[in-house]
C-alpha cells in the first residue's frame, strides 16, 4: 500500500503541532497574514515588487511605557530634511569619480 501525503496538508499539520506545543507554555498570537512581526507592521506589495515596514505604532507605546515627557522647548533640526540627503542622478558623470 502506498500513501501519498499532500505537502500543504502535511505542512499545516506540522505548523499546528508547533503552535499547540508553544501554547502549552506560552500565550502566543499568530498572524497568518504576515502583516505583523515583533511589533513591526509589514505591508507586502507583491505585485509592485516591494515591502513597506513601519514601526509607527511602537513609538507612542514606548513613550508611554517609559513615561517620556516632552521637552520644554521644541527641538527642531537645523536644516529641513531635504537638505540631509541628495537624490542621486544615475548615469551622470561626476568630476570626483571621473
PDB file of N, CA and C in Angstrom:
ATOM      1  N   UNK A   1       0.844  -1.178   0.000  1.00  0.00           N
ATOM      2  CA  UNK A   1       0.000   0.000   0.000  1.00  0.00           C
ATOM      3  C   UNK A   1       0.888   1.240   0.000  1.00  0.00           C
ATOM      4  N   UNK A   2       0.557   2.206  -0.830  1.00  0.00           N
ATOM      5  CA  UNK A   2       1.307   3.449  -0.931  1.00  0.00           C
ATOM      6  C   UNK A   2       0.420   4.598  -0.491  1.00  0.00           C
ATOM      7  N   UNK A   3       0.968   5.447   0.379  1.00  0.00           N
ATOM      8  CA  UNK A   3       0.228   6.613   0.861  1.00  0.00           C
ATOM      9  C   UNK A   3       0.982   7.851   0.414  1.00  0.00           C
ATOM     10  N   UNK A   4       0.293   8.707  -0.310  1.00  0.00           N
ATOM     11  CA  UNK A   4       0.910   9.952  -0.763  1.00  0.00           C
ATOM     12  C   UNK A   4       0.321  11.095   0.050  1.00  0.00           C
ATOM     13  N   UNK A   5       1.191  11.800   0.740  1.00  0.00           N
ATOM     14  CA  UNK A   5       0.743  12.918   1.559  1.00  0.00           C
ATOM     15  C   UNK A   5       0.769  14.202   0.746  1.00  0.00           C
ATOM     16  N   UNK A   6      -0.267  14.978   0.875  1.00  0.00           N
ATOM     17  CA  UNK A   6      -0.284  16.301   0.262  1.00  0.00           C
ATOM     18  C   UNK A   6       0.676  17.179   1.058  1.00  0.00           C
ATOM     19  N   UNK A   7       1.614  17.817   0.373  1.00  0.00           N
ATOM     20  CA  UNK A   7       2.651  18.602   1.058  1.00  0.00           C
ATOM     21  C   UNK A   7       2.045  19.728   1.890  1.00  0.00           C
ATOM     22  N   UNK A   8       1.057  20.433   1.348  1.00  0.00           N
ATOM     23  CA  UNK A   8       0.449  21.536   2.097  1.00  0.00           C
ATOM     24  C   UNK A   8      -0.266  21.020   3.341  1.00  0.00           C
ATOM     25  N   UNK A   9      -0.973  19.916   3.191  1.00  0.00           N
ATOM     26  CA  UNK A   9      -1.694  19.345   4.326  1.00  0.00           C
ATOM     27  C   UNK A   9      -0.700  18.892   5.401  1.00  0.00           C
ATOM     28  N   UNK A  10       0.414  18.290   4.988  1.00  0.00           N
ATOM     29  CA  UNK A  10       1.436  17.845   5.940  1.00  0.00           C
ATOM     30  C   UNK A  10       2.056  19.050   6.637  1.00  0.00           C
ATOM     31  N   UNK A  11       2.394  20.088   5.861  1.00  0.00           N
ATOM     32  CA  UNK A  11       2.991  21.292   6.432  1.00  0.00           C
ATOM     33  C   UNK A  11       2.038  21.945   7.429  1.00  0.00           C
ATOM     34  N   UNK A  12       0.746  22.023   7.083  1.00  0.00           N
ATOM     35  CA  UNK A  12      -0.240  22.594   8.003  1.00  0.00           C
ATOM     36  C   UNK A  12      -0.275  21.823   9.318  1.00  0.00           C
ATOM     37  N   UNK A  13      -0.172  20.499   9.259  1.00  0.00           N
ATOM     38  CA  UNK A  13      -0.188  19.691  10.483  1.00  0.00           C
ATOM     39  C   UNK A  13       1.050  19.958  11.330  1.00  0.00           C
ATOM     40  N   UNK A  14       2.191  20.100  10.675  1.00  0.00           N
ATOM     41  CA  UNK A  14       3.440  20.379  11.401  1.00  0.00           C
ATOM     42  C   UNK A  14       3.346  21.746  12.090  1.00  0.00           C
ATOM     43  N   UNK A  15       2.871  22.749  11.370  1.00  0.00           N
ATOM     44  CA  UNK A  15       2.744  24.094  11.936  1.00  0.00           C
ATOM     45  C   UNK A  15       1.755  24.093  13.104  1.00  0.00           C
ATOM     46  N   UNK A  16       0.623  23.418  12.927  1.00  0.00           N
ATOM     47  CA  UNK A  16      -0.367  23.382  14.002  1.00  0.00           C
ATOM     48  C   UNK A  16       0.190  22.671  15.237  1.00  0.00           C
ATOM     49  N   UNK A  17       0.960  21.620  15.030  1.00  0.00           N
ATOM     50  CA  UNK A  17       1.588  20.928  16.162  1.00  0.00           C
ATOM     51  C   UNK A  17       2.578  21.860  16.862  1.00  0.00           C
ATOM     52  N   UNK A  18       3.356  22.585  16.089  1.00  0.00           N
ATOM     53  CA  UNK A  18       4.332  23.532  16.634  1.00  0.00           C
ATOM     54  C   UNK A  18       3.616  24.567  17.512  1.00  0.00           C
ATOM     55  N   UNK A  19       2.535  25.157  16.984  1.00  0.00           N
ATOM     56  CA  UNK A  19       1.800  26.158  17.745  1.00  0.00           C
ATOM     57  C   UNK A  19       1.128  25.553  18.973  1.00  0.00           C
ATOM     58  N   UNK A  20       0.622  24.359  18.865  1.00  0.00           N
ATOM     59  CA  UNK A  20      -0.027  23.741  20.024  1.00  0.00           C
ATOM     60  C   UNK A  20       0.981  23.477  21.138  1.00  0.00           C
ATOM     61  N   UNK A  21       2.200  23.108  20.770  1.00  0.00           N
ATOM     62  CA  UNK A  21       3.246  22.917  21.783  1.00  0.00           C
ATOM     63  C   UNK A  21       3.626  24.241  22.434  1.00  0.00           C
ATOM     64  N   UNK A  22       3.721  25.299  21.644  1.00  0.00           N
ATOM     65  CA  UNK A  22       4.030  26.614  22.207  1.00  0.00           C
ATOM     66  C   UNK A  22       2.935  27.077  23.157  1.00  0.00           C
ATOM     67  N   UNK A  23       1.669  26.830  22.780  1.00  0.00           N
ATOM     68  CA  UNK A  23       0.540  27.274  23.605  1.00  0.00           C
ATOM     69  C   UNK A  23       0.504  26.563  24.958  1.00  0.00           C
ATOM     70  N   UNK A  24       1.147  25.420  25.075  1.00  0.00           N
ATOM     71  CA  UNK A  24       1.173  24.715  26.353  1.00  0.00           C
ATOM     72  C   UNK A  24       1.941  25.499  27.414  1.00  0.00           C
ATOM     73  N   UNK A  25       2.932  26.294  26.976  1.00  0.00           N
ATOM     74  CA  UNK A  25       3.767  27.013  27.933  1.00  0.00           C
ATOM     75  C   UNK A  25       3.660  28.534  27.824  1.00  0.00           C
ATOM     76  N   UNK A  26       3.210  29.022  26.668  1.00  0.00           N
ATOM     77  CA  UNK A  26       3.219  30.463  26.442  1.00  0.00           C
ATOM     78  C   UNK A  26       1.873  30.936  25.899  1.00  0.00           C
ATOM     79  N   UNK A  27       1.627  32.218  26.113  1.00  0.00           N
ATOM     80  CA  UNK A  27       0.487  32.859  25.471  1.00  0.00           C
ATOM     81  C   UNK A  27       0.996  33.440  24.157  1.00  0.00           C
ATOM     82  N   UNK A  28       0.497  32.949  23.030  1.00  0.00           N
ATOM     83  CA  UNK A  28       1.008  33.401  21.739  1.00  0.00           C
ATOM     84  C   UNK A  28      -0.132  33.939  20.887  1.00  0.00           C
ATOM     85  N   UNK A  29       0.227  34.775  19.923  1.00  0.00           N
ATOM     86  CA  UNK A  29      -0.700  35.268  18.913  1.00  0.00           C
ATOM     87  C   UNK A  29      -0.092  34.954  17.556  1.00  0.00           C
ATOM     88  N   UNK A  30      -0.896  34.411  16.665  1.00  0.00           N
ATOM     89  CA  UNK A  30      -0.405  34.026  15.341  1.00  0.00           C
ATOM     90  C   UNK A  30      -1.074  34.906  14.298  1.00  0.00           C
ATOM     91  N   UNK A  31      -0.259  35.581  13.497  1.00  0.00           N
ATOM     92  CA  UNK A  31      -0.762  36.409  12.404  1.00  0.00           C
ATOM     93  C   UNK A  31      -0.515  35.667  11.102  1.00  0.00           C
ATOM     94  N   UNK A  32      -1.533  35.026  10.586  1.00  0.00           N
ATOM     95  CA  UNK A  32      -1.367  34.221   9.371  1.00  0.00           C
ATOM     96  C   UNK A  32      -1.251  35.068   8.115  1.00  0.00           C
ATOM     97  N   UNK A  33      -1.551  36.361   8.206  1.00  0.00           N
ATOM     98  CA  UNK A  33      -1.431  37.227   7.033  1.00  0.00           C
ATOM     99  C   UNK A  33       0.006  37.708   6.826  1.00  0.00           C
ATOM    100  N   UNK A  34       0.816  37.610   7.873  1.00  0.00           N
ATOM    101  CA  UNK A  34       2.200  38.091   7.766  1.00  0.00           C
ATOM    102  C   UNK A  34       2.295  39.599   7.829  1.00  0.00           C
ATOM    103  N   UNK A  35       1.288  40.265   8.398  1.00  0.00           N
ATOM    104  CA  UNK A  35       1.299  41.730   8.418  1.00  0.00           C
ATOM    105  C   UNK A  35       1.934  42.315   9.676  1.00  0.00           C
ATOM    106  N   UNK A  36       2.231  41.486  10.663  1.00  0.00           N
ATOM    107  CA  UNK A  36       2.925  41.977  11.858  1.00  0.00           C
ATOM    108  C   UNK A  36       3.995  40.973  12.267  1.00  0.00           C
ATOM    109  N   UNK A  37       5.106  41.509  12.786  1.00  0.00           N
ATOM    110  CA  UNK A  37       6.187  40.665  13.269  1.00  0.00           C
ATOM    111  C   UNK A  37       6.997  41.461  14.265  1.00  0.00           C
ATOM    112  N   UNK A  38       7.059  40.986  15.500  1.00  0.00           N
ATOM    113  CA  UNK A  38       7.839  41.623  16.560  1.00  0.00           C
ATOM    114  C   UNK A  38       7.572  43.121  16.663  1.00  0.00           C
ATOM    115  N   UNK A  39       6.312  43.504  16.535  1.00  0.00           N
ATOM    116  CA  UNK A  39       5.949  44.907  16.642  1.00  0.00           C
ATOM    117  C   UNK A  39       6.072  45.705  15.364  1.00  0.00           C
ATOM    118  N   UNK A  40       6.585  45.098  14.312  1.00  0.00           N
ATOM    119  CA  UNK A  40       6.676  45.781  13.026  1.00  0.00           C
ATOM    120  C   UNK A  40       5.375  45.579  12.265  1.00  0.00           C
ATOM    121  N   UNK A  41       4.943  46.594  11.536  1.00  0.00           N
ATOM    122  CA  UNK A  41       3.801  46.470  10.645  1.00  0.00           C
ATOM    123  C   UNK A  41       4.357  46.289   9.242  1.00  0.00           C
ATOM    124  N   UNK A  42       3.961  45.204   8.585  1.00  0.00           N
ATOM    125  CA  UNK A  42       4.528  44.850   7.289  1.00  0.00           C
ATOM    126  C   UNK A  42       3.428  44.873   6.235  1.00  0.00           C
ATOM    127  N   UNK A  43       3.643  45.650   5.180  1.00  0.00           N
ATOM    128  CA  UNK A  43       2.704  45.731   4.070  1.00  0.00           C
ATOM    129  C   UNK A  43       3.372  45.102   2.844  1.00  0.00           C
ATOM    130  N   UNK A  44       2.950  43.898   2.511  1.00  0.00           N
ATOM    131  CA  UNK A  44       3.543  43.174   1.383  1.00  0.00           C
ATOM    132  C   UNK A  44       2.911  43.636   0.080  1.00  0.00           C
ATOM    133  N   UNK A  45       3.696  44.198  -0.814  1.00  0.00           N
ATOM    134  CA  UNK A  45       3.237  44.629  -2.135  1.00  0.00           C
ATOM    135  C   UNK A  45       3.884  43.726  -3.184  1.00  0.00           C
ATOM    136  N   UNK A  46       3.394  42.488  -3.260  1.00  0.00           N
ATOM    137  CA  UNK A  46       3.989  41.504  -4.159  1.00  0.00           C
ATOM    138  C   UNK A  46       3.933  41.950  -5.618  1.00  0.00           C
ATOM    139  N   UNK A  47       2.796  42.468  -6.058  1.00  0.00           N
ATOM    140  CA  UNK A  47       2.634  42.852  -7.462  1.00  0.00           C
ATOM    141  C   UNK A  47       3.515  44.025  -7.852  1.00  0.00           C
ATOM    142  N   UNK A  48       3.810  44.880  -6.891  1.00  0.00           N
ATOM    143  CA  UNK A  48       4.640  46.055  -7.163  1.00  0.00           C
ATOM    144  C   UNK A  48       6.119  45.801  -6.876  1.00  0.00           C
ATOM    145  N   UNK A  49       6.427  44.668  -6.235  1.00  0.00           N
ATOM    146  CA  UNK A  49       7.813  44.282  -6.020  1.00  0.00           C
ATOM    147  C   UNK A  49       8.501  44.925  -4.834  1.00  0.00           C
ATOM    148  N   UNK A  50       7.746  45.302  -3.809  1.00  0.00           N
ATOM    149  CA  UNK A  50       8.395  45.864  -2.629  1.00  0.00           C
ATOM    150  C   UNK A  50       7.582  45.548  -1.383  1.00  0.00           C
ATOM    151  N   UNK A  51       8.183  45.829  -0.241  1.00  0.00           N
ATOM    152  CA  UNK A  51       7.503  45.653   1.044  1.00  0.00           C
ATOM    153  C   UNK A  51       7.735  46.908   1.877  1.00  0.00           C
ATOM    154  N   UNK A  52       6.680  47.378   2.562  1.00  0.00           N
ATOM    155  CA  UNK A  52       6.799  48.520   3.463  1.00  0.00           C
ATOM    156  C   UNK A  52       6.816  48.009   4.894  1.00  0.00           C
ATOM    157  N   UNK A  53       7.787  48.469   5.667  1.00  0.00           N
ATOM    158  CA  UNK A  53       7.887  48.073   7.068  1.00  0.00           C
ATOM    159  C   UNK A  53       7.852  49.343   7.910  1.00  0.00           C
ATOM    160  N   UNK A  54       6.943  49.389   8.878  1.00  0.00           N
ATOM    161  CA  UNK A  54       6.852  50.576   9.713  1.00  0.00           C
ATOM    162  C   UNK A  54       6.761  50.180  11.188  1.00  0.00           C
ATOM    163  N   UNK A  55       7.126  51.131  12.029  1.00  0.00           N
ATOM    164  CA  UNK A  55       7.052  50.938  13.476  1.00  0.00           C
ATOM    165  C   UNK A  55       6.219  52.050  14.094  1.00  0.00           C
ATOM    166  N   UNK A  56       5.321  52.629  13.306  1.00  0.00           N
ATOM    167  CA  UNK A  56       4.585  53.814  13.752  1.00  0.00           C
ATOM    168  C   UNK A  56       3.790  53.584  15.030  1.00  0.00           C
ATOM    169  N   UNK A  57       3.274  52.377  15.240  1.00  0.00           N
ATOM    170  CA  UNK A  57       2.510  52.111  16.461  1.00  0.00           C
ATOM    171  C   UNK A  57       3.409  51.995  17.689  1.00  0.00           C
ATOM    172  N   UNK A  58       4.661  51.670  17.484  1.00  0.00           N
ATOM    173  CA  UNK A  58       5.561  51.418  18.614  1.00  0.00           C
ATOM    174  C   UNK A  58       6.016  52.683  19.314  1.00  0.00           C
ATOM    175  N   UNK A  59       6.183  53.771  18.583  1.00  0.00           N
ATOM    176  CA  UNK A  59       6.733  54.987  19.185  1.00  0.00           C
ATOM    177  C   UNK A  59       5.818  55.535  20.282  1.00  0.00           C
ATOM    178  N   UNK A  60       4.525  55.756  20.018  1.00  0.00           N
ATOM    179  CA  UNK A  60       3.678  56.250  21.115  1.00  0.00           C
ATOM    180  C   UNK A  60       3.602  55.282  22.297  1.00  0.00           C
ATOM    181  N   UNK A  61       3.586  53.978  22.017  1.00  0.00           N
ATOM    182  CA  UNK A  61       3.542  52.991  23.099  1.00  0.00           C
ATOM    183  C   UNK A  61       4.814  53.045  23.938  1.00  0.00           C
ATOM    184  N   UNK A  62       5.968  53.173  23.277  1.00  0.00           N
ATOM    185  CA  UNK A  62       7.241  53.235  24.004  1.00  0.00           C
ATOM    186  C   UNK A  62       7.331  54.516  24.837  1.00  0.00           C
ATOM    187  N   UNK A  63       6.872  55.637  24.265  1.00  0.00           N
ATOM    188  CA  UNK A  63       6.892  56.894  25.021  1.00  0.00           C
ATOM    189  C   UNK A  63       6.040  56.785  26.277  1.00  0.00           C
ATOM    190  N   UNK A  64       4.878  56.157  26.154  1.00  0.00           N
ATOM    191  CA  UNK A  64       4.001  55.987  27.319  1.00  0.00           C
ATOM    192  C   UNK A  64       4.607  54.996  28.316  1.00  0.00           C
ATOM    193  N   UNK A  65       5.169  53.905  27.808  1.00  0.00           N
ATOM    194  CA  UNK A  65       5.739  52.876  28.690  1.00  0.00           C
ATOM    195  C   UNK A  65       6.867  53.434  29.558  1.00  0.00           C
ATOM    196  N   UNK A  66       7.720  54.258  28.956  1.00  0.00           N
ATOM    197  CA  UNK A  66       8.865  54.798  29.682  1.00  0.00           C
ATOM    198  C   UNK A  66       8.570  56.162  30.299  1.00  0.00           C
ATOM    199  N   UNK A  67       7.292  56.571  30.272  1.00  0.00           N
ATOM    200  CA  UNK A  67       6.852  57.821  30.879  1.00  0.00           C
ATOM    201  C   UNK A  67       7.686  59.001  30.385  1.00  0.00           C
ATOM    202  N   UNK A  68       7.883  59.060  29.081  1.00  0.00           N
ATOM    203  CA  UNK A  68       8.690  60.117  28.469  1.00  0.00           C
ATOM    204  C   UNK A  68       7.911  61.426  28.432  1.00  0.00           C
ATOM    205  N   UNK A  69       8.513  62.462  28.942  1.00  0.00           N
ATOM    206  CA  UNK A  69       7.902  63.792  28.920  1.00  0.00           C
ATOM    207  C   UNK A  69       8.465  64.584  27.748  1.00  0.00           C
ATOM    208  N   UNK A  70       7.615  65.376  27.103  1.00  0.00           N
ATOM    209  CA  UNK A  70       8.076  66.221  26.013  1.00  0.00           C
ATOM    210  C   UNK A  70       9.046  67.271  26.553  1.00  0.00           C
ATOM    211  N   UNK A  71      10.068  67.643  25.778  1.00  0.00           N
ATOM    212  CA  UNK A  71      10.991  68.682  26.242  1.00  0.00           C
ATOM    213  C   UNK A  71      10.253  70.022  26.363  1.00  0.00           C
ATOM    214  N   UNK A  72      10.740  70.919  27.231  1.00  0.00           N
ATOM    215  CA  UNK A  72      10.046  72.196  27.428  1.00  0.00           C
ATOM    216  C   UNK A  72      10.031  73.062  26.170  1.00  0.00           C
ATOM    217  N   UNK A  73      11.052  72.946  25.338  1.00  0.00           N
ATOM    218  CA  UNK A  73      11.122  73.704  24.084  1.00  0.00           C
ATOM    219  C   UNK A  73      11.169  72.713  22.923  1.00  0.00           C
ATOM    220  N   UNK A  74      10.530  73.028  21.806  1.00  0.00           N
ATOM    221  CA  UNK A  74      10.625  72.138  20.641  1.00  0.00           C
ATOM    222  C   UNK A  74      12.076  71.985  20.185  1.00  0.00           C
ATOM    223  N   UNK A  75      12.412  70.804  19.754  1.00  0.00           N
ATOM    224  CA  UNK A  75      13.770  70.539  19.271  1.00  0.00           C
ATOM    225  C   UNK A  75      13.691  70.207  17.786  1.00  0.00           C
ATOM    226  N   UNK A  76      13.916  71.204  16.951  1.00  0.00           N
ATOM    227  CA  UNK A  76      13.825  71.044  15.510  1.00  0.00           C
ATOM    228  C   UNK A  76      15.222  70.877  14.914  1.00  0.00           C
ATOM    229  N   UNK A  77      15.332  70.175  13.788  1.00  0.00           N
ATOM    230  CA  UNK A  77      16.641  70.062  13.143  1.00  0.00           C
ATOM    231  C   UNK A  77      17.070  71.425  12.594  1.00  0.00           C
ATOM    232  N   UNK A  78      18.387  71.606  12.438  1.00  0.00           N
ATOM    233  CA  UNK A  78      18.900  72.879  11.936  1.00  0.00           C
ATOM    234  C   UNK A  78      18.544  73.095  10.469  1.00  0.00           C
ATOM    235  N   UNK A  79      18.403  72.004   9.711  1.00  0.00           N
ATOM    236  CA  UNK A  79      18.114  72.108   8.287  1.00  0.00           C
ATOM    237  C   UNK A  79      16.870  71.288   7.968  1.00  0.00           C
ATOM    238  N   UNK A  80      16.113  71.708   6.973  1.00  0.00           N
ATOM    239  CA  UNK A  80      14.979  70.875   6.561  1.00  0.00           C
ATOM    240  C   UNK A  80      15.473  69.494   6.111  1.00  0.00           C
ATOM    241  N   UNK A  81      14.664  68.469   6.271  1.00  0.00           N
ATOM    242  CA  UNK A  81      15.092  67.103   5.934  1.00  0.00           C
ATOM    243  C   UNK A  81      15.589  66.928   4.505  1.00  0.00           C
ATOM    244  N   UNK A  82      15.071  67.720   3.546  1.00  0.00           N
ATOM    245  CA  UNK A  82      15.511  67.536   2.163  1.00  0.00           C
ATOM    246  C   UNK A  82      16.972  67.935   1.961  1.00  0.00           C
ATOM    247  N   UNK A  83      17.570  68.655   2.906  1.00  0.00           N
ATOM    248  CA  UNK A  83      18.981  69.012   2.803  1.00  0.00           C
ATOM    249  C   UNK A  83      19.901  67.922   3.352  1.00  0.00           C
ATOM    250  N   UNK A  84      19.338  66.949   4.044  1.00  0.00           N
ATOM    251  CA  UNK A  84      20.158  65.909   4.642  1.00  0.00           C
ATOM    252  C   UNK A  84      20.607  64.862   3.625  1.00  0.00           C
ATOM    253  N   UNK A  85      19.891  64.752   2.518  1.00  0.00           N
ATOM    254  CA  UNK A  85      20.206  63.724   1.530  1.00  0.00           C
ATOM    255  C   UNK A  85      19.865  64.244   0.151  1.00  0.00           C
ATOM    256  N   UNK A  86      20.739  64.009  -0.799  1.00  0.00           N
ATOM    257  CA  UNK A  86      20.507  64.439  -2.168  1.00  0.00           C
ATOM    258  C   UNK A  86      20.210  63.227  -3.027  1.00  0.00           C
ATOM    259  N   UNK A  87      19.102  63.277  -3.763  1.00  0.00           N
ATOM    260  CA  UNK A  87      18.722  62.195  -4.661  1.00  0.00           C
ATOM    261  C   UNK A  87      19.797  62.046  -5.735  1.00  0.00           C
ATOM    262  N   UNK A  88      20.361  60.834  -5.906  1.00  0.00           N
ATOM    263  CA  UNK A  88      21.374  60.660  -6.946  1.00  0.00           C
ATOM    264  C   UNK A  88      20.758  60.716  -8.342  1.00  0.00           C
ATOM    265  N   UNK A  89      21.529  61.223  -9.298  1.00  0.00           N
ATOM    266  CA  UNK A  89      21.113  61.227 -10.690  1.00  0.00           C
ATOM    267  C   UNK A  89      21.963  60.170 -11.378  1.00  0.00           C
ATOM    268  N   UNK A  90      21.372  59.021 -11.658  1.00  0.00           N
ATOM    269  CA  UNK A  90      22.116  57.905 -12.209  1.00  0.00           C
ATOM    270  C   UNK A  90      22.515  58.170 -13.651  1.00  0.00           C
ATOM    271  N   UNK A  91      23.735  57.769 -14.005  1.00  0.00           N
ATOM    272  CA  UNK A  91      24.241  57.960 -15.360  1.00  0.00           C
ATOM    273  C   UNK A  91      24.950  59.287 -15.559  1.00  0.00           C
ATOM    274  N   UNK A  92      24.881  60.153 -14.566  1.00  0.00           N
ATOM    275  CA  UNK A  92      25.512  61.465 -14.661  1.00  0.00           C
ATOM    276  C   UNK A  92      26.992  61.321 -14.338  1.00  0.00           C
ATOM    277  N   UNK A  93      27.854  62.014 -15.107  1.00  0.00           N
ATOM    278  CA  UNK A  93      29.290  61.995 -14.833  1.00  0.00           C
ATOM    279  C   UNK A  93      29.572  62.835 -13.601  1.00  0.00           C
ATOM    280  N   UNK A  94      30.420  62.307 -12.738  1.00  0.00           N
ATOM    281  CA  UNK A  94      30.794  63.008 -11.523  1.00  0.00           C
ATOM    282  C   UNK A  94      32.265  63.314 -11.602  1.00  0.00           C
ATOM    283  N   UNK A  95      32.627  64.582 -11.448  1.00  0.00           N
ATOM    284  CA  UNK A  95      34.019  65.001 -11.584  1.00  0.00           C
ATOM    285  C   UNK A  95      34.912  64.316 -10.561  1.00  0.00           C
ATOM    286  N   UNK A  96      34.402  64.006  -9.405  1.00  0.00           N
ATOM    287  CA  UNK A  96      35.199  63.378  -8.368  1.00  0.00           C
ATOM    288  C   UNK A  96      35.597  61.957  -8.772  1.00  0.00           C
ATOM    289  N   UNK A  97      34.715  61.228  -9.427  1.00  0.00           N
ATOM    290  CA  UNK A  97      34.954  59.830  -9.762  1.00  0.00           C
ATOM    291  C   UNK A  97      35.434  59.627 -11.193  1.00  0.00           C
ATOM    292  N   UNK A  98      35.564  60.691 -11.977  1.00  0.00           N
ATOM    293  CA  UNK A  98      35.990  60.553 -13.376  1.00  0.00           C
ATOM    294  C   UNK A  98      37.453  60.222 -13.472  1.00  0.00           C
TER     295      UNK A  98
END
